[in-house]
């Protein structure tokens, strides 16, 4: 097999984790260390802490976050959303993606290296466990090549067991976001047969997470995730990325005692930047789709520069223009355009949330039902009404006809209309009108909805029936 760390132009035609025959090249990244790594570790602790505590955060007895796609019920920061609020959720998702795009245009793949759950779990959790049990990269290689003995079975078995346990924790946390922590606790505290669908879901998610982080690993970033390919159209020469200063580093060459280095750059070709890369690339080739901006190469290079008494920053956060032309980041037309779009979306999202009603009401005639003729020369129509309570308080409602003194609403069943907090309710009612009021086959009427004795909404609908020429 050819040397994995070759430095010709072939890197442009292949990815670093697949050989010429299309077989997987397993990556053994060297254990990272340094100031950037420590900063990322602190960010990871905060973000994963928020992730795992999220299902347990409540507001007025309800979860702060819930994404129940099964019952079409969503809660964000304690604010419940229903299918009727789909436009708000849609605008929120678009805003989030524009935010990520704007950050990519300006700061490259900073999301991938610092906040993406795949990177956080893979590099800061699962690889940490691997380093702890099996050792650094060279020790891992030797262990994999060694015959199966007591030590190898113990190390491999304990590592996989911990991987499974963490995958179980992740799957239960994800399920808690989908159906709520109380439902998850109920599922795990009772036999699988009592909640078979929930049990199967937990097993499925556990298997997916275990496979991704123990087998698929960096391939999720280089093969599946489209974000790496999107950066090709999002990045420009002004975008801040993890970059190698080729003007300062080239021509590279080994550092030897007694040999003058005036004719060489600062890069001593130690290849540590390659050995620590979790996706197996050489950052000295420039920006590549496999690079997730994890900063491991920056820390490794800075350590070498310190040892050879050279300034740090041979590999650093910078732009192509910043390195070649010594230009600082400036506000250009594309950044301004994305910023204006993001500002517009945030304004629209704020308006939609602020103007959202506490109760959503839907009234429609019962399908397939014709009008009925009643006594005293009156006509009735049957309607369905649905209420969605978007608050954390039980509410009582009432409905009345507007500007029709002789019109009557007769509810079917319970006389009162009560909707529990964050729940929905529906009912059926008749509307009776004098026949002389009808002036067309479809007569528009307005139904007022009262909450706490005050009108808060008006619903327009049609009333079917025979009509007369006078009103």
Protein backbone atom coordinates (compact mmCIF):
# COMPACT_ATOMS: atom_id res chain seq x y z
CA UNK A 1 0.00 0.00 0.00
CA UNK A 2 1.27 3.45 -0.83
CA UNK A 3 2.24 5.78 1.95
CA UNK A 4 -0.93 7.18 3.57
CA UNK A 5 0.68 10.58 4.06
CA UNK A 6 1.74 11.30 0.45
CA UNK A 7 2.08 14.93 -0.55
CA UNK A 8 1.44 15.02 -4.29
CA UNK A 9 -1.58 16.37 -6.09
CA UNK A 10 -3.51 13.10 -5.81
CA UNK A 11 -5.25 14.42 -2.71
CA UNK A 12 -7.51 16.46 -4.98
CA UNK A 13 -8.94 13.32 -6.58
CA UNK A 14 -9.50 11.20 -3.47
CA UNK A 15 -10.52 11.46 0.14
CA UNK A 16 -8.06 10.63 2.88
CA UNK A 17 -10.06 7.78 4.41
CA UNK A 18 -10.47 5.63 1.27
CA UNK A 19 -7.66 3.88 -0.63
CA UNK A 20 -7.34 3.27 -4.38
CA UNK A 21 -9.40 0.09 -4.14
CA UNK A 22 -12.24 1.89 -2.35
CA UNK A 23 -11.48 0.28 1.00
CA UNK A 24 -11.74 2.12 4.28
CA UNK A 25 -8.53 3.57 5.74
CA UNK A 26 -8.96 3.63 9.48
CA UNK A 27 -7.80 6.92 10.98
CA UNK A 28 -5.74 6.88 14.18
CA UNK A 29 -5.44 10.55 15.15
CA UNK A 30 -2.78 11.45 17.66
CA UNK A 31 -4.14 12.66 20.99
CA UNK A 32 -4.61 16.45 20.72
CA UNK A 33 -3.55 18.94 23.33
CA UNK A 34 -3.11 22.69 23.53
CA UNK A 35 -4.94 25.93 24.23
CA UNK A 36 -7.50 25.55 21.45
CA UNK A 37 -8.26 22.01 22.50
CA UNK A 38 -8.77 23.14 26.10
CA UNK A 39 -11.13 25.88 24.93
CA UNK A 40 -13.11 23.39 22.83
CA UNK A 41 -13.27 21.06 25.83
CA UNK A 42 -14.88 23.80 27.93
CA UNK A 43 -17.36 24.59 25.14
CA UNK A 44 -18.18 20.88 24.86
CA UNK A 45 -18.85 20.59 28.59
CA UNK A 46 -21.26 23.53 28.41
CA UNK A 47 -23.08 22.35 25.26
CA UNK A 48 -23.38 18.70 26.31
CA UNK A 49 -24.44 19.84 29.76
CA UNK A 50 -27.26 21.82 28.17
CA UNK A 51 -28.14 18.88 25.93
CA UNK A 52 -28.49 16.36 28.74
CA UNK A 53 -30.23 18.71 31.19
CA UNK A 54 -32.66 20.04 28.56
CA UNK A 55 -35.35 17.35 29.05
CA UNK A 56 -35.38 18.01 32.81
CA UNK A 57 -35.89 21.78 32.54
CA UNK A 58 -39.52 22.78 33.13
CA UNK A 59 -41.62 25.92 33.06
CA UNK A 60 -44.92 25.98 34.93
CA UNK A 61 -44.91 22.20 35.12
CA UNK A 62 -44.22 21.71 31.42
CA UNK A 63 -40.93 20.92 29.64
CA UNK A 64 -38.84 23.77 28.32
CA UNK A 65 -38.11 21.79 25.16
CA UNK A 66 -40.27 19.21 23.42
CA UNK A 67 -40.28 18.08 19.80
CA UNK A 68 -43.16 15.61 19.79
CA UNK A 69 -43.55 14.91 16.08
CA UNK A 70 -45.92 12.03 16.87
CA UNK A 71 -48.54 14.23 18.53
CA UNK A 72 -47.48 17.32 16.54
CA UNK A 73 -46.69 19.24 19.70
CA UNK A 74 -43.58 21.37 20.11
CA UNK A 75 -42.25 23.47 22.97
CA UNK A 76 -39.35 25.88 22.56
CA UNK A 77 -38.03 27.79 25.58
CA UNK A 78 -41.26 27.02 27.41
CA UNK A 79 -43.49 28.33 24.61
CA UNK A 80 -45.82 25.66 23.15
CA UNK A 81 -46.28 25.45 19.39
CA UNK A 82 -48.88 23.50 17.44
CA UNK A 83 -49.38 22.59 13.76
CA UNK A 84 -51.24 25.87 13.41
CA UNK A 85 -47.93 27.58 14.23
CA UNK A 86 -46.05 25.71 11.52
CA UNK A 87 -45.16 28.94 9.74
CA UNK A 88 -43.39 30.16 12.88
CA UNK A 89 -41.38 26.94 13.18
CA UNK A 90 -40.62 27.09 9.46
CA UNK A 91 -39.35 30.68 9.70
CA UNK A 92 -37.32 29.72 12.79
CA UNK A 93 -35.62 26.85 10.91
CA UNK A 94 -34.90 29.07 7.91
CA UNK A 95 -33.47 31.71 10.25
CA UNK A 96 -31.23 29.10 11.88
CA UNK A 97 -29.90 27.90 8.52
CA UNK A 98 -29.26 31.45 7.32
CA UNK A 99 -27.43 32.07 10.59
CA UNK A 100 -25.23 29.01 9.94
CA UNK A 101 -24.65 30.13 6.34
CA UNK A 102 -23.64 33.61 7.48
CA UNK A 103 -21.20 32.15 9.99
CA UNK A 104 -19.79 29.89 7.29
CA UNK A 105 -19.29 32.81 4.92
CA UNK A 106 -17.46 34.78 7.60
CA UNK A 107 -15.88 32.16 9.88
CA UNK A 108 -15.83 28.98 7.78
CA UNK A 109 -16.79 25.69 9.43
CA UNK A 110 -16.60 26.97 12.99
CA UNK A 111 -19.94 25.23 13.61
CA UNK A 112 -18.45 21.84 12.70
CA UNK A 113 -15.43 22.16 14.95
CA UNK A 114 -17.01 23.78 17.98
CA UNK A 115 -20.74 23.03 18.16
CA UNK A 116 -21.79 20.13 15.89
CA UNK A 117 -23.05 17.20 18.04
CA UNK A 118 -21.25 14.71 15.77
CA UNK A 119 -17.89 16.38 16.43
CA UNK A 120 -18.53 16.94 20.12
CA UNK A 121 -19.44 13.33 20.82
CA UNK A 122 -16.86 11.82 18.48
CA UNK A 123 -13.81 13.87 19.45
CA UNK A 124 -14.60 14.89 23.01
CA UNK A 125 -16.35 11.79 24.33
CA UNK A 126 -15.79 8.60 22.35
CA UNK A 127 -12.18 9.29 21.31
CA UNK A 128 -11.35 10.41 24.85
CA UNK A 129 -12.54 7.04 26.12
CA UNK A 130 -10.49 5.34 23.40
CA UNK A 131 -7.35 7.23 24.42
CA UNK A 132 -8.01 6.40 28.06
CA UNK A 133 -8.40 2.66 27.50
CA UNK A 134 -6.24 1.87 24.47
CA UNK A 135 -3.67 4.68 24.56
CA UNK A 136 -2.49 7.08 21.88
CA UNK A 137 -2.49 6.47 18.11
CA UNK A 138 0.56 4.17 17.95
CA UNK A 139 -0.68 2.09 20.88
CA UNK A 140 -4.06 1.71 19.20
CA UNK A 141 -2.43 0.49 15.99
CA UNK A 142 -0.33 -2.05 17.87
CA UNK A 143 -3.37 -3.26 19.82
CA UNK A 144 -5.40 -3.78 16.65
CA UNK A 145 -2.56 -5.68 15.00
CA UNK A 146 -1.90 -7.83 18.08
CA UNK A 147 -3.43 -11.30 18.38
CA UNK A 148 -6.49 -11.74 20.51
CA UNK A 149 -5.32 -12.25 24.07
CA UNK A 150 -6.56 -11.41 27.54
CA UNK A 151 -5.35 -7.78 27.38
CA UNK A 152 -6.88 -7.11 23.97
CA UNK A 153 -10.20 -8.74 24.88
CA UNK A 154 -10.35 -6.75 28.13
CA UNK A 155 -9.52 -3.41 26.50
CA UNK A 156 -11.71 -3.87 23.42
CA UNK A 157 -14.58 -5.31 25.43
CA UNK A 158 -14.56 -2.57 28.07
CA UNK A 159 -14.35 0.14 25.41
CA UNK A 160 -17.28 -1.23 23.44
CA UNK A 161 -19.31 -1.70 26.61
CA UNK A 162 -18.78 1.96 27.55
CA UNK A 163 -19.65 2.97 23.98
CA UNK A 164 -22.93 1.06 24.24
CA UNK A 165 -23.76 2.62 27.61
CA UNK A 166 -23.13 6.14 26.29
CA UNK A 167 -25.21 5.36 23.20
CA UNK A 168 -28.04 4.26 25.48
CA UNK A 169 -27.76 7.53 27.39
CA UNK A 170 -27.84 9.55 24.16
CA UNK A 171 -30.82 7.62 22.77
CA UNK A 172 -32.82 8.07 25.98
CA UNK A 173 -32.02 11.79 25.99
CA UNK A 174 -33.14 12.13 22.38
CA UNK A 175 -36.34 10.21 23.11
CA UNK A 176 -37.00 12.50 26.09
CA UNK A 177 -36.90 15.46 23.71
CA UNK A 178 -39.38 13.69 21.43
CA UNK A 179 -41.97 12.35 23.89
CA UNK A 180 -41.04 13.90 27.24
CA UNK A 181 -39.01 12.59 30.15
CA UNK A 182 -42.06 11.26 31.99
CA UNK A 183 -42.93 9.00 29.07
CA UNK A 184 -39.33 7.77 28.84
CA UNK A 185 -39.23 7.01 32.56
CA UNK A 186 -42.47 5.10 32.19
CA UNK A 187 -41.06 3.08 29.28
CA UNK A 188 -37.86 2.07 31.08
CA UNK A 189 -39.60 1.32 34.38
CA UNK A 190 -42.07 -1.15 32.87
CA UNK A 191 -41.64 -4.36 30.84
CA UNK A 192 -40.90 -3.87 27.11
CA UNK A 193 -44.24 -5.46 26.19
CA UNK A 194 -46.09 -2.62 27.92
CA UNK A 195 -44.58 -0.03 25.57
CA UNK A 196 -43.31 -2.03 22.63
CA UNK A 197 -43.13 0.87 20.15
CA UNK A 198 -41.20 3.03 22.61
CA UNK A 199 -38.85 0.15 23.46
CA UNK A 200 -38.16 -0.52 19.77
CA UNK A 201 -37.49 3.17 19.23
CA UNK A 202 -34.93 3.27 22.05
CA UNK A 203 -33.19 0.14 20.76
CA UNK A 204 -33.11 1.57 17.23
CA UNK A 205 -31.65 4.92 18.30
CA UNK A 206 -29.10 3.19 20.53
CA UNK A 207 -27.96 1.03 17.63
CA UNK A 208 -27.67 4.01 15.29
CA UNK A 209 -25.62 6.08 17.72
CA UNK A 210 -23.37 3.15 18.62
CA UNK A 211 -22.70 2.38 14.94
CA UNK A 212 -22.01 6.01 14.04
CA UNK A 213 -19.53 6.65 16.86
CA UNK A 214 -17.81 3.26 16.97
CA UNK A 215 -17.72 2.31 13.27
CA UNK A 216 -18.78 5.10 10.89
CA UNK A 217 -17.04 7.88 12.81
CA UNK A 218 -15.43 10.62 10.67
CA UNK A 219 -17.20 9.27 7.58
CA UNK A 220 -20.34 10.99 8.82
CA UNK A 221 -18.57 14.31 8.18
CA UNK A 222 -16.71 13.45 4.98
CA UNK A 223 -19.26 11.24 3.18
CA UNK A 224 -22.77 11.86 4.52
CA UNK A 225 -22.92 15.45 5.80
CA UNK A 226 -23.53 17.91 2.94
CA UNK A 227 -22.12 20.81 4.90
CA UNK A 228 -18.54 20.12 3.82
CA UNK A 229 -19.58 20.33 0.19
CA UNK A 230 -21.66 23.44 0.76
CA UNK A 231 -18.60 25.30 1.98
CA UNK A 232 -17.28 25.15 -1.58
CA UNK A 233 -19.97 27.65 -2.62
CA UNK A 234 -20.16 29.54 0.67
CA UNK A 235 -16.50 30.28 1.33
CA UNK A 236 -14.56 32.99 -0.44
CA UNK A 237 -11.08 34.44 -0.09
CA UNK A 238 -12.21 36.54 2.87
CA UNK A 239 -13.68 33.66 4.91
CA UNK A 240 -11.87 32.81 8.14
CA UNK A 241 -10.81 29.15 8.19
CA UNK A 242 -8.10 27.00 9.72
CA UNK A 243 -5.33 27.79 7.24
CA UNK A 244 -1.65 27.07 6.70
CA UNK A 245 0.55 30.09 6.03
CA UNK A 246 2.36 28.80 2.95
CA UNK A 247 4.24 32.06 2.45
CA UNK A 248 5.94 31.63 5.78
CA UNK A 249 6.14 27.84 5.83
CA UNK A 250 7.41 27.02 2.33
CA UNK A 251 9.69 25.62 1.16
CA UNK A 252 9.38 23.11 3.96
CA UNK A 253 12.25 20.91 5.06
CA UNK A 254 13.59 18.87 7.94
CA UNK A 255 15.47 20.72 10.66
CA UNK A 256 19.02 19.42 11.05
CA UNK A 257 21.77 20.54 13.42
CA UNK A 258 24.39 22.72 11.89
CA UNK A 259 22.45 23.18 8.68
CA UNK A 260 21.47 26.75 7.76
CA UNK A 261 17.73 27.28 7.39
CA UNK A 262 17.74 30.64 5.64
CA UNK A 263 16.68 29.00 2.38
CA UNK A 264 13.78 27.15 3.97
CA UNK A 265 10.45 28.10 5.45
CA UNK A 266 9.34 27.63 9.05
CA UNK A 267 7.59 24.30 8.35
CA UNK A 268 9.98 21.48 9.31
CA UNK A 269 7.73 18.82 7.73
CA UNK A 270 7.20 16.99 11.03
CA UNK A 271 3.73 15.94 9.85
CA UNK A 272 2.26 16.35 13.34
CA UNK A 273 -0.53 18.47 11.82
CA UNK A 274 -1.46 15.40 9.77
CA UNK A 275 -1.09 12.90 12.60
CA UNK A 276 -3.51 14.78 14.90
CA UNK A 277 -6.17 15.36 12.21
CA UNK A 278 -9.32 13.33 13.00
CA UNK A 279 -10.19 13.11 9.29
CA UNK A 280 -6.65 12.27 8.15
CA UNK A 281 -5.99 15.26 5.87
CA UNK A 282 -2.95 17.49 5.40
CA UNK A 283 -4.00 21.05 6.14
CA UNK A 284 -0.98 22.26 4.16
CA UNK A 285 -2.86 21.36 0.97
CA UNK A 286 -5.32 24.16 1.76
CA UNK A 287 -9.04 24.14 2.55
CA UNK A 288 -10.56 20.70 1.97
CA UNK A 289 -14.08 19.38 2.39
CA UNK A 290 -12.90 16.89 5.06
CA UNK A 291 -11.59 19.66 7.34
CA UNK A 292 -13.98 20.33 10.22
CA UNK A 293 -11.91 23.19 11.70
CA UNK A 294 -11.25 21.27 14.90
CA UNK A 295 -8.00 23.26 15.51
CA UNK A 296 -6.01 20.14 16.46
CA UNK A 297 -3.43 21.00 13.79
CA UNK A 298 -3.08 24.54 15.17
CA UNK A 299 -2.21 23.24 18.63
CA UNK A 300 0.22 20.65 17.26
CA UNK A 301 2.02 23.20 15.05
CA UNK A 302 2.17 25.84 17.78
CA UNK A 303 3.86 23.32 20.08
CA UNK A 304 6.49 22.58 17.43
CA UNK A 305 7.06 26.27 16.68
CA UNK A 306 7.65 26.89 20.39
CA UNK A 307 10.24 24.11 20.53
CA UNK A 308 12.21 25.47 17.55
CA UNK A 309 11.94 29.10 18.71
CA UNK A 310 9.66 30.22 15.89
CA UNK A 311 6.53 32.38 16.20
CA UNK A 312 3.26 30.54 16.68
CA UNK A 313 0.56 30.76 14.05
CA UNK A 314 2.09 28.93 11.10
CA UNK A 315 -1.31 27.21 11.07
CA UNK A 316 -3.99 29.55 12.39
CA UNK A 317 -7.46 30.99 11.91
CA UNK A 318 -7.08 33.24 8.88
CA UNK A 319 -8.37 33.81 5.36
CA UNK A 320 -6.74 33.27 1.99
CA UNK A 321 -6.62 37.01 1.47
CA UNK A 322 -5.31 37.50 4.99
CA UNK A 323 -2.34 35.23 4.30
CA UNK A 324 -1.57 36.20 0.72
CA UNK A 325 -2.38 39.89 0.77
CA UNK A 326 -2.22 40.57 4.53
CA UNK A 327 -5.82 41.81 4.42
CA UNK A 328 -8.06 41.81 7.45
CA UNK A 329 -11.68 40.68 7.32
CA UNK A 330 -13.88 43.33 5.77
CA UNK A 331 -17.60 43.75 5.29
CA UNK A 332 -18.29 42.73 1.69
CA UNK A 333 -21.49 42.59 -0.37
CA UNK A 334 -22.18 38.92 0.38
CA UNK A 335 -21.81 39.29 4.13
CA UNK A 336 -24.00 42.39 4.03
CA UNK A 337 -26.66 40.59 1.97
CA UNK A 338 -26.79 37.58 4.31
CA UNK A 339 -26.87 39.90 7.32
CA UNK A 340 -29.83 41.84 5.91
CA UNK A 341 -31.70 38.62 5.13
CA UNK A 342 -30.98 37.33 8.64
CA UNK A 343 -32.14 40.60 10.17
CA UNK A 344 -35.35 40.46 8.11
CA UNK A 345 -36.04 36.87 9.17
CA UNK A 346 -35.39 37.68 12.83
CA UNK A 347 -37.76 40.66 12.60
CA UNK A 348 -40.45 38.54 10.96
CA UNK A 349 -39.98 35.76 13.52
CA UNK A 350 -40.23 38.25 16.39
CA UNK A 351 -43.42 39.73 14.94
CA UNK A 352 -45.03 36.31 14.43
CA UNK A 353 -44.26 35.23 17.99
CA UNK A 354 -45.39 38.53 19.50
CA UNK A 355 -48.65 38.57 17.52
CA UNK A 356 -49.48 34.91 18.08
CA UNK A 357 -52.83 34.39 19.83
CA UNK A 358 -53.10 32.37 23.03
CA UNK A 359 -55.96 30.30 21.64
CA UNK A 360 -56.36 29.07 18.10
CA UNK A 361 -59.95 28.52 16.95
CA UNK A 362 -61.13 26.70 13.84
CA UNK A 363 -64.80 26.50 12.78
CA UNK A 364 -66.07 24.56 9.77
CA UNK A 365 -69.34 23.02 8.65
CA UNK A 366 -69.66 19.28 9.13
CA UNK A 367 -68.78 17.75 5.74
CA UNK A 368 -71.65 16.12 3.86
CA UNK A 369 -74.35 17.62 6.06
CA UNK A 370 -77.15 19.65 4.42
CA UNK A 371 -79.15 22.31 6.16
CA UNK A 372 -82.15 21.26 8.26
CA UNK A 373 -85.51 22.98 8.36
CA UNK A 374 -86.77 23.56 11.93
CA UNK A 375 -90.01 24.72 13.44
CA UNK A 376 -91.09 28.38 13.35
CA UNK A 377 -89.69 28.85 9.84
CA UNK A 378 -86.05 28.48 10.90
CA UNK A 379 -83.01 26.81 9.28
CA UNK A 380 -80.10 25.14 11.10
CA UNK A 381 -76.58 24.11 10.10
CA UNK A 382 -74.23 21.77 11.98
CA UNK A 383 -70.65 22.92 12.68
CA UNK A 384 -67.49 21.54 14.24
CA UNK A 385 -65.27 23.75 16.34
CA UNK A 386 -61.69 23.11 17.45
CA UNK A 387 -59.74 24.95 20.13
CA UNK A 388 -56.00 24.82 20.78
CA UNK A 389 -54.90 26.29 24.09
CA UNK A 390 -51.33 27.59 23.67
CA UNK A 391 -50.99 28.73 27.29
CA UNK A 392 -50.19 26.94 30.55
CA UNK A 393 -53.57 27.85 32.08
CA UNK A 394 -56.99 26.24 31.74
CA UNK A 395 -59.41 28.57 29.99
CA UNK A 396 -63.17 28.80 29.57
CA UNK A 397 -64.59 29.97 26.25
CA UNK A 398 -67.95 30.89 24.79
CA UNK A 399 -69.27 31.53 21.28
CA UNK A 400 -72.00 33.89 20.06
CA UNK A 401 -73.39 35.09 16.75
CA UNK A 402 -72.48 38.63 15.80
CA UNK A 403 -75.13 41.12 14.63
CA UNK A 404 -77.89 38.50 14.30
CA UNK A 405 -80.30 39.08 17.20
CA UNK A 406 -82.66 36.30 16.14
CA UNK A 407 -79.90 33.79 15.53
CA UNK A 408 -79.26 31.01 18.04
CA UNK A 409 -76.27 28.75 18.79
CA UNK A 410 -77.11 25.38 20.31
CA UNK A 411 -74.13 23.35 21.48
CA UNK A 412 -74.25 19.57 21.36
CA UNK A 413 -73.43 18.00 24.71
CA UNK A 414 -71.78 19.99 27.49
CA UNK A 415 -72.94 23.57 27.72
CA UNK A 416 -69.54 24.91 28.80
CA UNK A 417 -66.38 25.06 26.69
CA UNK A 418 -63.23 24.40 28.71
CA UNK A 419 -59.78 23.80 27.27
CA UNK A 420 -56.99 22.49 29.47
CA UNK A 421 -53.54 24.05 29.45
CA UNK A 422 -51.44 23.23 26.33
CA UNK A 423 -54.21 20.91 25.14
CA UNK A 424 -56.75 20.92 22.35
CA UNK A 425 -60.50 20.45 22.46
CA UNK A 426 -63.29 20.17 19.96
CA UNK A 427 -67.06 20.28 19.95
CA UNK A 428 -70.17 20.42 17.79
CA UNK A 429 -72.93 23.02 17.64
CA UNK A 430 -75.96 24.05 15.60
CA UNK A 431 -76.57 27.54 14.27
CA UNK A 432 -80.25 28.41 13.76
CA UNK A 433 -81.30 31.42 11.69
CA UNK A 434 -84.68 32.72 10.57
CA UNK A 435 -85.39 31.75 6.98
CA UNK A 436 -86.07 35.36 6.04
CA UNK A 437 -82.49 36.29 7.01
CA UNK A 438 -81.04 34.14 4.21
CA UNK A 439 -80.37 36.09 1.02
CA UNK A 440 -78.29 33.53 -0.92
CA UNK A 441 -77.46 29.86 -1.02
CA UNK A 442 -74.40 30.68 1.11
CA UNK A 443 -74.94 33.40 3.67
CA UNK A 444 -71.78 34.66 5.43
CA UNK A 445 -72.01 34.81 9.22
CA UNK A 446 -69.55 35.83 11.94
CA UNK A 447 -69.14 33.89 15.19
CA UNK A 448 -67.54 35.73 18.09
CA UNK A 449 -65.28 33.79 20.46
CA UNK A 450 -65.27 35.01 24.06
CA UNK A 451 -62.56 34.41 26.65
CA UNK A 452 -63.22 35.54 30.22
CA UNK A 453 -66.26 37.43 29.01
CA UNK A 454 -64.40 39.43 26.37
CA UNK A 455 -64.27 38.99 22.60
CA UNK A 456 -60.79 37.94 21.51
CA UNK A 457 -61.47 36.51 18.05
CA UNK A 458 -64.03 36.50 15.25
CA UNK A 459 -64.51 33.57 12.89
CA UNK A 460 -66.15 33.89 9.48
CA UNK A 461 -68.04 30.96 7.96
CA UNK A 462 -70.91 30.25 5.59
CA UNK A 463 -74.49 29.26 6.39
CA UNK A 464 -76.27 27.10 3.81
CA UNK A 465 -79.99 27.07 3.18
CA UNK A 466 -82.85 28.22 0.99
CA UNK A 467 -83.05 31.94 0.52
CA UNK A 468 -85.67 34.60 0.06
CA UNK A 469 -85.45 37.89 -1.82
CA UNK A 470 -86.13 40.01 1.27
CA UNK A 471 -84.36 40.11 4.55
